[in-house]
């Protein structure tokens, strides 16, 4: 059972790497909130070690903006590595997925 979840995490990471190359995104808490308030965010990714108050605030804004939220299976260091960055990333918003199908893949219908 552990291998299946690892495969799903790798799948998200590969799609996220494609977004980093071809799409538009914002990294960090403040810019994620700004993109949701402006209505540009399509998908929000949150690291699993994001503080609970911050996570619930992001999820609340996402509910108001009708934006999908996905909890990334790794911590903020692993999320930063999946974004091909050398720093920690607690949350990020994808405004334009580019060539990636990450928004469709994360939708609850699929």
PDB file of N, CA and C in Angstrom:
ATOM      1  N   UNK A   1       0.824  -1.200   0.000  1.00  0.00           N
ATOM      2  CA  UNK A   1       0.000   0.000   0.000  1.00  0.00           C
ATOM      3  C   UNK A   1       0.860   1.253   0.000  1.00  0.00           C
ATOM      4  N   UNK A   2       2.020   1.196   0.625  1.00  0.00           N
ATOM      5  CA  UNK A   2       2.915   2.337   0.666  1.00  0.00           C
ATOM      6  C   UNK A   2       3.457   2.701  -0.704  1.00  0.00           C
ATOM      7  N   UNK A   3       3.651   1.689  -1.564  1.00  0.00           N
ATOM      8  CA  UNK A   3       4.187   1.953  -2.900  1.00  0.00           C
ATOM      9  C   UNK A   3       3.196   2.732  -3.749  1.00  0.00           C
ATOM     10  N   UNK A   4       1.913   2.454  -3.565  1.00  0.00           N
ATOM     11  CA  UNK A   4       0.898   3.130  -4.369  1.00  0.00           C
ATOM     12  C   UNK A   4       0.872   4.635  -4.071  1.00  0.00           C
ATOM     13  N   UNK A   5       0.935   4.990  -2.785  1.00  0.00           N
ATOM     14  CA  UNK A   5       0.930   6.410  -2.429  1.00  0.00           C
ATOM     15  C   UNK A   5       2.216   7.086  -2.894  1.00  0.00           C
ATOM     16  N   UNK A   6       3.319   6.350  -2.889  1.00  0.00           N
ATOM     17  CA  UNK A   6       4.579   6.914  -3.368  1.00  0.00           C
ATOM     18  C   UNK A   6       4.491   7.214  -4.862  1.00  0.00           C
ATOM     19  N   UNK A   7       3.854   6.318  -5.619  1.00  0.00           N
ATOM     20  CA  UNK A   7       3.668   6.541  -7.054  1.00  0.00           C
ATOM     21  C   UNK A   7       2.822   7.780  -7.287  1.00  0.00           C
ATOM     22  N   UNK A   8       1.759   7.948  -6.503  1.00  0.00           N
ATOM     23  CA  UNK A   8       0.890   9.115  -6.661  1.00  0.00           C
ATOM     24  C   UNK A   8       1.661  10.401  -6.363  1.00  0.00           C
ATOM     25  N   UNK A   9       2.525  10.362  -5.344  1.00  0.00           N
ATOM     26  CA  UNK A   9       3.341  11.525  -5.024  1.00  0.00           C
ATOM     27  C   UNK A   9       4.318  11.859  -6.137  1.00  0.00           C
ATOM     28  N   UNK A  10       4.903  10.824  -6.745  1.00  0.00           N
ATOM     29  CA  UNK A  10       5.816  11.035  -7.869  1.00  0.00           C
ATOM     30  C   UNK A  10       5.066  11.628  -9.059  1.00  0.00           C
ATOM     31  N   UNK A  11       3.826  11.185  -9.255  1.00  0.00           N
ATOM     32  CA  UNK A  11       3.010  11.681 -10.354  1.00  0.00           C
ATOM     33  C   UNK A  11       2.736  13.172 -10.184  1.00  0.00           C
ATOM     34  N   UNK A  12       2.406  13.584  -8.961  1.00  0.00           N
ATOM     35  CA  UNK A  12       2.169  15.001  -8.679  1.00  0.00           C
ATOM     36  C   UNK A  12       3.454  15.786  -8.880  1.00  0.00           C
ATOM     37  N   UNK A  13       4.575  15.230  -8.436  1.00  0.00           N
ATOM     38  CA  UNK A  13       5.856  15.917  -8.565  1.00  0.00           C
ATOM     39  C   UNK A  13       6.246  16.119 -10.025  1.00  0.00           C
ATOM     40  N   UNK A  14       6.010  15.111 -10.858  1.00  0.00           N
ATOM     41  CA  UNK A  14       6.366  15.250 -12.274  1.00  0.00           C
ATOM     42  C   UNK A  14       5.467  16.258 -12.969  1.00  0.00           C
ATOM     43  N   UNK A  15       4.185  16.267 -12.624  1.00  0.00           N
ATOM     44  CA  UNK A  15       3.267  17.257 -13.203  1.00  0.00           C
ATOM     45  C   UNK A  15       3.606  18.664 -12.715  1.00  0.00           C
ATOM     46  N   UNK A  16       4.020  18.754 -11.460  1.00  0.00           N
ATOM     47  CA  UNK A  16       4.397  20.045 -10.894  1.00  0.00           C
ATOM     48  C   UNK A  16       5.662  20.581 -11.556  1.00  0.00           C
ATOM     49  N   UNK A  17       6.600  19.701 -11.866  1.00  0.00           N
ATOM     50  CA  UNK A  17       7.826  20.118 -12.560  1.00  0.00           C
ATOM     51  C   UNK A  17       7.499  20.660 -13.947  1.00  0.00           C
ATOM     52  N   UNK A  18       6.499  20.076 -14.603  1.00  0.00           N
ATOM     53  CA  UNK A  18       6.082  20.561 -15.917  1.00  0.00           C
ATOM     54  C   UNK A  18       5.426  21.938 -15.813  1.00  0.00           C
ATOM     55  N   UNK A  19       4.673  22.161 -14.742  1.00  0.00           N
ATOM     56  CA  UNK A  19       4.079  23.494 -14.508  1.00  0.00           C
ATOM     57  C   UNK A  19       5.177  24.524 -14.300  1.00  0.00           C
ATOM     58  N   UNK A  20       6.231  24.146 -13.568  1.00  0.00           N
ATOM     59  CA  UNK A  20       7.327  25.077 -13.298  1.00  0.00           C
ATOM     60  C   UNK A  20       8.029  25.494 -14.592  1.00  0.00           C
ATOM     61  N   UNK A  21       8.072  24.590 -15.580  1.00  0.00           N
ATOM     62  CA  UNK A  21       8.730  24.907 -16.846  1.00  0.00           C
ATOM     63  C   UNK A  21       7.826  25.692 -17.784  1.00  0.00           C
ATOM     64  N   UNK A  22       6.543  25.300 -17.876  1.00  0.00           N
ATOM     65  CA  UNK A  22       5.703  25.859 -18.936  1.00  0.00           C
ATOM     66  C   UNK A  22       4.553  26.731 -18.440  1.00  0.00           C
ATOM     67  N   UNK A  23       4.254  26.708 -17.152  1.00  0.00           N
ATOM     68  CA  UNK A  23       3.091  27.435 -16.660  1.00  0.00           C
ATOM     69  C   UNK A  23       3.451  28.647 -15.824  1.00  0.00           C
ATOM     70  N   UNK A  24       2.425  29.182 -15.150  1.00  0.00           N
ATOM     71  CA  UNK A  24       2.608  30.327 -14.257  1.00  0.00           C
ATOM     72  C   UNK A  24       2.134  29.930 -12.870  1.00  0.00           C
ATOM     73  N   UNK A  25       2.852  30.397 -11.874  1.00  0.00           N
ATOM     74  CA  UNK A  25       2.575  30.001 -10.499  1.00  0.00           C
ATOM     75  C   UNK A  25       3.076  31.073  -9.552  1.00  0.00           C
ATOM     76  N   UNK A  26       2.630  31.007  -8.317  1.00  0.00           N
ATOM     77  CA  UNK A  26       3.164  31.869  -7.266  1.00  0.00           C
ATOM     78  C   UNK A  26       3.525  30.989  -6.086  1.00  0.00           C
ATOM     79  N   UNK A  27       4.657  31.261  -5.483  1.00  0.00           N
ATOM     80  CA  UNK A  27       5.126  30.505  -4.337  1.00  0.00           C
ATOM     81  C   UNK A  27       4.947  31.332  -3.080  1.00  0.00           C
ATOM     82  N   UNK A  28       4.524  30.688  -2.016  1.00  0.00           N
ATOM     83  CA  UNK A  28       4.433  31.357  -0.729  1.00  0.00           C
ATOM     84  C   UNK A  28       3.009  31.685  -0.313  1.00  0.00           C
ATOM     85  N   UNK A  29       2.879  31.943   0.967  1.00  0.00           N
ATOM     86  CA  UNK A  29       1.571  32.166   1.581  1.00  0.00           C
ATOM     87  C   UNK A  29       0.914  33.457   1.102  1.00  0.00           C
ATOM     88  N   UNK A  30       1.639  34.549   1.178  1.00  0.00           N
ATOM     89  CA  UNK A  30       1.039  35.855   0.851  1.00  0.00           C
ATOM     90  C   UNK A  30       0.640  35.950  -0.614  1.00  0.00           C
ATOM     91  N   UNK A  31       1.503  35.485  -1.500  1.00  0.00           N
ATOM     92  CA  UNK A  31       1.171  35.564  -2.927  1.00  0.00           C
ATOM     93  C   UNK A  31       0.060  34.580  -3.297  1.00  0.00           C
ATOM     94  N   UNK A  32      -0.040  33.454  -2.579  1.00  0.00           N
ATOM     95  CA  UNK A  32      -1.142  32.512  -2.797  1.00  0.00           C
ATOM     96  C   UNK A  32      -2.468  33.154  -2.422  1.00  0.00           C
ATOM     97  N   UNK A  33      -2.496  33.822  -1.281  1.00  0.00           N
ATOM     98  CA  UNK A  33      -3.713  34.522  -0.843  1.00  0.00           C
ATOM     99  C   UNK A  33      -4.083  35.613  -1.852  1.00  0.00           C
ATOM    100  N   UNK A  34      -3.088  36.354  -2.340  1.00  0.00           N
ATOM    101  CA  UNK A  34      -3.355  37.417  -3.315  1.00  0.00           C
ATOM    102  C   UNK A  34      -3.912  36.859  -4.615  1.00  0.00           C
ATOM    103  N   UNK A  35      -3.379  35.732  -5.074  1.00  0.00           N
ATOM    104  CA  UNK A  35      -3.879  35.150  -6.322  1.00  0.00           C
ATOM    105  C   UNK A  35      -5.299  34.624  -6.160  1.00  0.00           C
ATOM    106  N   UNK A  36      -5.638  34.132  -4.979  1.00  0.00           N
ATOM    107  CA  UNK A  36      -7.017  33.682  -4.745  1.00  0.00           C
ATOM    108  C   UNK A  36      -7.967  34.868  -4.661  1.00  0.00           C
ATOM    109  N   UNK A  37      -7.532  35.935  -4.011  1.00  0.00           N
ATOM    110  CA  UNK A  37      -8.395  37.115  -3.887  1.00  0.00           C
ATOM    111  C   UNK A  37      -8.647  37.772  -5.228  1.00  0.00           C
ATOM    112  N   UNK A  38      -7.667  37.694  -6.125  1.00  0.00           N
ATOM    113  CA  UNK A  38      -7.853  38.267  -7.457  1.00  0.00           C
ATOM    114  C   UNK A  38      -8.580  37.313  -8.402  1.00  0.00           C
ATOM    115  N   UNK A  39      -8.761  36.054  -7.980  1.00  0.00           N
ATOM    116  CA  UNK A  39      -9.495  35.082  -8.785  1.00  0.00           C
ATOM    117  C   UNK A  39      -8.665  34.411  -9.859  1.00  0.00           C
ATOM    118  N   UNK A  40      -7.341  34.503  -9.787  1.00  0.00           N
ATOM    119  CA  UNK A  40      -6.475  33.933 -10.816  1.00  0.00           C
ATOM    120  C   UNK A  40      -6.065  32.493 -10.526  1.00  0.00           C
ATOM    121  N   UNK A  41      -6.139  32.061  -9.282  1.00  0.00           N
ATOM    122  CA  UNK A  41      -5.644  30.739  -8.899  1.00  0.00           C
ATOM    123  C   UNK A  41      -6.556  29.634  -9.425  1.00  0.00           C
ATOM    124  N   UNK A  42      -5.941  28.590  -9.980  1.00  0.00           N
ATOM    125  CA  UNK A  42      -6.683  27.418 -10.469  1.00  0.00           C
ATOM    126  C   UNK A  42      -6.555  26.247  -9.501  1.00  0.00           C
ATOM    127  N   UNK A  43      -5.390  26.123  -8.863  1.00  0.00           N
ATOM    128  CA  UNK A  43      -5.125  25.019  -7.948  1.00  0.00           C
ATOM    129  C   UNK A  43      -4.154  25.482  -6.870  1.00  0.00           C
ATOM    130  N   UNK A  44      -4.401  25.065  -5.641  1.00  0.00           N
ATOM    131  CA  UNK A  44      -3.537  25.400  -4.517  1.00  0.00           C
ATOM    132  C   UNK A  44      -2.926  24.116  -3.995  1.00  0.00           C
ATOM    133  N   UNK A  45      -1.620  24.109  -3.780  1.00  0.00           N
ATOM    134  CA  UNK A  45      -0.922  22.975  -3.178  1.00  0.00           C
ATOM    135  C   UNK A  45      -0.371  23.405  -1.827  1.00  0.00           C
ATOM    136  N   UNK A  46      -0.633  22.608  -0.796  1.00  0.00           N
ATOM    137  CA  UNK A  46      -0.184  22.917   0.559  1.00  0.00           C
ATOM    138  C   UNK A  46       0.667  21.765   1.063  1.00  0.00           C
ATOM    139  N   UNK A  47       1.814  22.061   1.658  1.00  0.00           N
ATOM    140  CA  UNK A  47       2.676  21.032   2.240  1.00  0.00           C
ATOM    141  C   UNK A  47       1.995  20.443   3.476  1.00  0.00           C
ATOM    142  N   UNK A  48       2.340  19.189   3.800  1.00  0.00           N
ATOM    143  CA  UNK A  48       1.655  18.545   4.922  1.00  0.00           C
ATOM    144  C   UNK A  48       2.104  19.058   6.287  1.00  0.00           C
ATOM    145  N   UNK A  49       3.208  19.797   6.356  1.00  0.00           N
ATOM    146  CA  UNK A  49       3.623  20.351   7.644  1.00  0.00           C
ATOM    147  C   UNK A  49       3.334  21.854   7.749  1.00  0.00           C
ATOM    148  N   UNK A  50       2.425  22.334   6.919  1.00  0.00           N
ATOM    149  CA  UNK A  50       1.972  23.720   7.014  1.00  0.00           C
ATOM    150  C   UNK A  50       1.190  23.869   8.326  1.00  0.00           C
ATOM    151  N   UNK A  51       1.377  24.964   9.063  1.00  0.00           N
ATOM    152  CA  UNK A  51       0.661  25.124  10.333  1.00  0.00           C
ATOM    153  C   UNK A  51      -0.860  25.048  10.139  1.00  0.00           C
ATOM    154  N   UNK A  52      -1.574  24.436  11.089  1.00  0.00           N
ATOM    155  CA  UNK A  52      -3.018  24.224  10.925  1.00  0.00           C
ATOM    156  C   UNK A  52      -3.824  25.506  10.726  1.00  0.00           C
ATOM    157  N   UNK A  53      -3.469  26.566  11.416  1.00  0.00           N
ATOM    158  CA  UNK A  53      -4.201  27.825  11.267  1.00  0.00           C
ATOM    159  C   UNK A  53      -4.020  28.403   9.872  1.00  0.00           C
ATOM    160  N   UNK A  54      -2.809  28.363   9.380  1.00  0.00           N
ATOM    161  CA  UNK A  54      -2.517  28.850   8.029  1.00  0.00           C
ATOM    162  C   UNK A  54      -3.213  27.985   6.981  1.00  0.00           C
ATOM    163  N   UNK A  55      -3.193  26.670   7.178  1.00  0.00           N
ATOM    164  CA  UNK A  55      -3.849  25.748   6.246  1.00  0.00           C
ATOM    165  C   UNK A  55      -5.356  26.014   6.198  1.00  0.00           C
ATOM    166  N   UNK A  56      -5.963  26.188   7.363  1.00  0.00           N
ATOM    167  CA  UNK A  56      -7.411  26.423   7.381  1.00  0.00           C
ATOM    168  C   UNK A  56      -7.757  27.776   6.772  1.00  0.00           C
ATOM    169  N   UNK A  57      -6.886  28.773   6.935  1.00  0.00           N
ATOM    170  CA  UNK A  57      -7.125  30.074   6.322  1.00  0.00           C
ATOM    171  C   UNK A  57      -7.038  29.988   4.793  1.00  0.00           C
ATOM    172  N   UNK A  58      -6.050  29.245   4.295  1.00  0.00           N
ATOM    173  CA  UNK A  58      -5.915  29.058   2.845  1.00  0.00           C
ATOM    174  C   UNK A  58      -7.126  28.306   2.298  1.00  0.00           C
ATOM    175  N   UNK A  59      -7.552  27.262   3.016  1.00  0.00           N
ATOM    176  CA  UNK A  59      -8.709  26.488   2.565  1.00  0.00           C
ATOM    177  C   UNK A  59      -9.987  27.325   2.594  1.00  0.00           C
ATOM    178  N   UNK A  60     -10.097  28.234   3.563  1.00  0.00           N
ATOM    179  CA  UNK A  60     -11.256  29.121   3.635  1.00  0.00           C
ATOM    180  C   UNK A  60     -11.293  30.077   2.445  1.00  0.00           C
ATOM    181  N   UNK A  61     -10.149  30.703   2.144  1.00  0.00           N
ATOM    182  CA  UNK A  61     -10.066  31.577   0.974  1.00  0.00           C
ATOM    183  C   UNK A  61     -10.341  30.809  -0.313  1.00  0.00           C
ATOM    184  N   UNK A  62      -9.852  29.574  -0.398  1.00  0.00           N
ATOM    185  CA  UNK A  62     -10.071  28.751  -1.584  1.00  0.00           C
ATOM    186  C   UNK A  62     -11.553  28.409  -1.753  1.00  0.00           C
ATOM    187  N   UNK A  63     -12.230  28.174  -0.633  1.00  0.00           N
ATOM    188  CA  UNK A  63     -13.664  27.895  -0.699  1.00  0.00           C
ATOM    189  C   UNK A  63     -14.416  29.118  -1.224  1.00  0.00           C
ATOM    190  N   UNK A  64     -14.040  30.298  -0.774  1.00  0.00           N
ATOM    191  CA  UNK A  64     -14.692  31.523  -1.247  1.00  0.00           C
ATOM    192  C   UNK A  64     -14.397  31.777  -2.718  1.00  0.00           C
ATOM    193  N   UNK A  65     -13.177  31.450  -3.147  1.00  0.00           N
ATOM    194  CA  UNK A  65     -12.763  31.680  -4.532  1.00  0.00           C
ATOM    195  C   UNK A  65     -13.127  30.511  -5.450  1.00  0.00           C
ATOM    196  N   UNK A  66     -13.706  29.442  -4.883  1.00  0.00           N
ATOM    197  CA  UNK A  66     -14.064  28.234  -5.647  1.00  0.00           C
ATOM    198  C   UNK A  66     -12.837  27.656  -6.358  1.00  0.00           C
ATOM    199  N   UNK A  67     -11.755  27.526  -5.599  1.00  0.00           N
ATOM    200  CA  UNK A  67     -10.489  27.014  -6.106  1.00  0.00           C
ATOM    201  C   UNK A  67     -10.216  25.658  -5.463  1.00  0.00           C
ATOM    202  N   UNK A  68      -9.622  24.735  -6.225  1.00  0.00           N
ATOM    203  CA  UNK A  68      -9.281  23.421  -5.693  1.00  0.00           C
ATOM    204  C   UNK A  68      -8.061  23.519  -4.781  1.00  0.00           C
ATOM    205  N   UNK A  69      -8.066  22.702  -3.732  1.00  0.00           N
ATOM    206  CA  UNK A  69      -6.928  22.628  -2.815  1.00  0.00           C
ATOM    207  C   UNK A  69      -6.446  21.187  -2.780  1.00  0.00           C
ATOM    208  N   UNK A  70      -5.137  21.005  -2.885  1.00  0.00           N
ATOM    209  CA  UNK A  70      -4.551  19.670  -2.787  1.00  0.00           C
ATOM    210  C   UNK A  70      -3.487  19.698  -1.711  1.00  0.00           C
ATOM    211  N   UNK A  71      -3.584  18.760  -0.769  1.00  0.00           N
ATOM    212  CA  UNK A  71      -2.555  18.648   0.258  1.00  0.00           C
ATOM    213  C   UNK A  71      -1.434  17.772  -0.280  1.00  0.00           C
ATOM    214  N   UNK A  72      -0.270  18.367  -0.436  1.00  0.00           N
ATOM    215  CA  UNK A  72       0.893  17.647  -0.947  1.00  0.00           C
ATOM    216  C   UNK A  72       1.321  16.620   0.087  1.00  0.00           C
ATOM    217  N   UNK A  73       1.703  15.436  -0.368  1.00  0.00           N
ATOM    218  CA  UNK A  73       2.015  14.338   0.558  1.00  0.00           C
ATOM    219  C   UNK A  73       3.330  14.555   1.314  1.00  0.00           C
ATOM    220  N   UNK A  74       4.213  15.397   0.816  1.00  0.00           N
ATOM    221  CA  UNK A  74       5.497  15.638   1.469  1.00  0.00           C
ATOM    222  C   UNK A  74       5.500  16.918   2.284  1.00  0.00           C
ATOM    223  N   UNK A  75       6.587  17.143   3.001  1.00  0.00           N
ATOM    224  CA  UNK A  75       6.702  18.374   3.784  1.00  0.00           C
ATOM    225  C   UNK A  75       7.152  19.532   2.893  1.00  0.00           C
ATOM    226  N   UNK A  76       7.418  20.692   3.516  1.00  0.00           N
ATOM    227  CA  UNK A  76       7.735  21.876   2.720  1.00  0.00           C
ATOM    228  C   UNK A  76       9.088  21.775   2.014  1.00  0.00           C
ATOM    229  N   UNK A  77       9.997  20.985   2.534  1.00  0.00           N
ATOM    230  CA  UNK A  77      11.289  20.784   1.858  1.00  0.00           C
ATOM    231  C   UNK A  77      11.072  19.977   0.579  1.00  0.00           C
ATOM    232  N   UNK A  78      10.254  18.921   0.675  1.00  0.00           N
ATOM    233  CA  UNK A  78       9.972  18.084  -0.488  1.00  0.00           C
ATOM    234  C   UNK A  78       9.145  18.823  -1.532  1.00  0.00           C
ATOM    235  N   UNK A  79       8.239  19.700  -1.077  1.00  0.00           N
ATOM    236  CA  UNK A  79       7.457  20.506  -2.020  1.00  0.00           C
ATOM    237  C   UNK A  79       8.363  21.474  -2.767  1.00  0.00           C
ATOM    238  N   UNK A  80       9.331  22.064  -2.072  1.00  0.00           N
ATOM    239  CA  UNK A  80      10.306  22.924  -2.728  1.00  0.00           C
ATOM    240  C   UNK A  80      11.147  22.169  -3.752  1.00  0.00           C
ATOM    241  N   UNK A  81      11.528  20.934  -3.418  1.00  0.00           N
ATOM    242  CA  UNK A  81      12.293  20.109  -4.358  1.00  0.00           C
ATOM    243  C   UNK A  81      11.440  19.738  -5.564  1.00  0.00           C
ATOM    244  N   UNK A  82      10.151  19.475  -5.351  1.00  0.00           N
ATOM    245  CA  UNK A  82       9.253  19.147  -6.466  1.00  0.00           C
ATOM    246  C   UNK A  82       9.059  20.353  -7.380  1.00  0.00           C
ATOM    247  N   UNK A  83       9.196  21.547  -6.819  1.00  0.00           N
ATOM    248  CA  UNK A  83       9.102  22.776  -7.610  1.00  0.00           C
ATOM    249  C   UNK A  83      10.430  23.128  -8.260  1.00  0.00           C
ATOM    250  N   UNK A  84      11.417  22.264  -8.135  1.00  0.00           N
ATOM    251  CA  UNK A  84      12.780  22.478  -8.630  1.00  0.00           C
ATOM    252  C   UNK A  84      13.406  23.746  -8.051  1.00  0.00           C
ATOM    253  N   UNK A  85      13.131  23.984  -6.774  1.00  0.00           N
ATOM    254  CA  UNK A  85      13.720  25.122  -6.062  1.00  0.00           C
ATOM    255  C   UNK A  85      14.610  24.584  -4.951  1.00  0.00           C
ATOM    256  N   UNK A  86      15.565  25.397  -4.520  1.00  0.00           N
ATOM    257  CA  UNK A  86      16.473  24.991  -3.463  1.00  0.00           C
ATOM    258  C   UNK A  86      16.085  25.602  -2.121  1.00  0.00           C
ATOM    259  N   UNK A  87      14.826  25.927  -1.965  1.00  0.00           N
ATOM    260  CA  UNK A  87      14.344  26.451  -0.702  1.00  0.00           C
ATOM    261  C   UNK A  87      13.004  25.808  -0.373  1.00  0.00           C
ATOM    262  N   UNK A  88      12.544  26.028   0.844  1.00  0.00           N
ATOM    263  CA  UNK A  88      11.300  25.417   1.298  1.00  0.00           C
ATOM    264  C   UNK A  88      10.102  26.178   0.736  1.00  0.00           C
ATOM    265  N   UNK A  89       9.050  25.445   0.403  1.00  0.00           N
ATOM    266  CA  UNK A  89       7.823  26.037  -0.119  1.00  0.00           C
ATOM    267  C   UNK A  89       6.661  25.473   0.690  1.00  0.00           C
ATOM    268  N   UNK A  90       5.999  26.323   1.466  1.00  0.00           N
ATOM    269  CA  UNK A  90       4.873  25.868   2.280  1.00  0.00           C
ATOM    270  C   UNK A  90       3.602  25.712   1.483  1.00  0.00           C
ATOM    271  N   UNK A  91       3.357  26.639   0.572  1.00  0.00           N
ATOM    272  CA  UNK A  91       2.171  26.555  -0.281  1.00  0.00           C
ATOM    273  C   UNK A  91       2.447  27.281  -1.584  1.00  0.00           C
ATOM    274  N   UNK A  92       1.705  26.886  -2.605  1.00  0.00           N
ATOM    275  CA  UNK A  92       1.840  27.545  -3.898  1.00  0.00           C
ATOM    276  C   UNK A  92       0.510  27.511  -4.616  1.00  0.00           C
ATOM    277  N   UNK A  93       0.321  28.476  -5.489  1.00  0.00           N
ATOM    278  CA  UNK A  93      -0.893  28.503  -6.306  1.00  0.00           C
ATOM    279  C   UNK A  93      -0.487  28.445  -7.772  1.00  0.00           C
ATOM    280  N   UNK A  94      -1.233  27.670  -8.530  1.00  0.00           N
ATOM    281  CA  UNK A  94      -1.001  27.550  -9.968  1.00  0.00           C
ATOM    282  C   UNK A  94      -2.035  28.426 -10.659  1.00  0.00           C
ATOM    283  N   UNK A  95      -1.567  29.448 -11.387  1.00  0.00           N
ATOM    284  CA  UNK A  95      -2.476  30.345 -12.091  1.00  0.00           C
ATOM    285  C   UNK A  95      -2.679  29.925 -13.541  1.00  0.00           C
ATOM    286  N   UNK A  96      -1.644  29.348 -14.142  1.00  0.00           N
ATOM    287  CA  UNK A  96      -1.746  28.828 -15.512  1.00  0.00           C
ATOM    288  C   UNK A  96      -0.967  27.519 -15.562  1.00  0.00           C
ATOM    289  N   UNK A  97      -1.641  26.374 -15.783  1.00  0.00           N
ATOM    290  CA  UNK A  97      -0.929  25.099 -15.743  1.00  0.00           C
ATOM    291  C   UNK A  97       0.004  24.856 -16.918  1.00  0.00           C
ATOM    292  N   UNK A  98      -0.095  25.628 -17.987  1.00  0.00           N
ATOM    293  CA  UNK A  98       0.784  25.431 -19.131  1.00  0.00           C
ATOM    294  C   UNK A  98       0.495  24.122 -19.838  1.00  0.00           C
ATOM    295  N   UNK A  99       1.529  23.324 -20.111  1.00  0.00           N
ATOM    296  CA  UNK A  99       1.377  22.045 -20.806  1.00  0.00           C
ATOM    297  C   UNK A  99       0.923  20.920 -19.881  1.00  0.00           C
ATOM    298  N   UNK A 100       0.920  21.158 -18.572  1.00  0.00           N
ATOM    299  CA  UNK A 100       0.590  20.117 -17.609  1.00  0.00           C
ATOM    300  C   UNK A 100      -0.922  19.948 -17.466  1.00  0.00           C
ATOM    301  N   UNK A 101      -1.339  18.739 -17.085  1.00  0.00           N
ATOM    302  CA  UNK A 101      -2.758  18.469 -16.837  1.00  0.00           C
ATOM    303  C   UNK A 101      -3.020  18.312 -15.341  1.00  0.00           C
ATOM    304  N   UNK A 102      -2.265  19.030 -14.526  1.00  0.00           N
ATOM    305  CA  UNK A 102      -2.336  18.871 -13.082  1.00  0.00           C
ATOM    306  C   UNK A 102      -3.696  19.285 -12.513  1.00  0.00           C
ATOM    307  N   UNK A 103      -4.321  20.313 -13.088  1.00  0.00           N
ATOM    308  CA  UNK A 103      -5.607  20.784 -12.586  1.00  0.00           C
ATOM    309  C   UNK A 103      -6.684  19.735 -12.827  1.00  0.00           C
ATOM    310  N   UNK A 104      -6.665  19.116 -14.018  1.00  0.00           N
ATOM    311  CA  UNK A 104      -7.628  18.046 -14.316  1.00  0.00           C
ATOM    312  C   UNK A 104      -7.361  16.817 -13.463  1.00  0.00           C
ATOM    313  N   UNK A 105      -6.104  16.502 -13.243  1.00  0.00           N
ATOM    314  CA  UNK A 105      -5.750  15.308 -12.480  1.00  0.00           C
ATOM    315  C   UNK A 105      -6.125  15.444 -11.006  1.00  0.00           C
ATOM    316  N   UNK A 106      -6.080  16.653 -10.477  1.00  0.00           N
ATOM    317  CA  UNK A 106      -6.397  16.870  -9.069  1.00  0.00           C
ATOM    318  C   UNK A 106      -7.890  17.104  -8.819  1.00  0.00           C
ATOM    319  N   UNK A 107      -8.677  17.208  -9.896  1.00  0.00           N
ATOM    320  CA  UNK A 107     -10.107  17.491  -9.732  1.00  0.00           C
ATOM    321  C   UNK A 107     -10.792  16.323  -9.029  1.00  0.00           C
ATOM    322  N   UNK A 108     -11.792  16.603  -8.195  1.00  0.00           N
ATOM    323  CA  UNK A 108     -12.461  15.535  -7.446  1.00  0.00           C
ATOM    324  C   UNK A 108     -13.258  14.582  -8.330  1.00  0.00           C
ATOM    325  N   UNK A 109     -13.614  14.983  -9.556  1.00  0.00           N
ATOM    326  CA  UNK A 109     -14.390  14.128 -10.447  1.00  0.00           C
ATOM    327  C   UNK A 109     -13.571  12.946 -10.950  1.00  0.00           C
ATOM    328  N   UNK A 110     -12.230  13.151 -11.096  1.00  0.00           N
ATOM    329  CA  UNK A 110     -11.397  12.078 -11.666  1.00  0.00           C
ATOM    330  C   UNK A 110     -11.045  11.027 -10.639  1.00  0.00           C
TER     331      UNK A 110
END
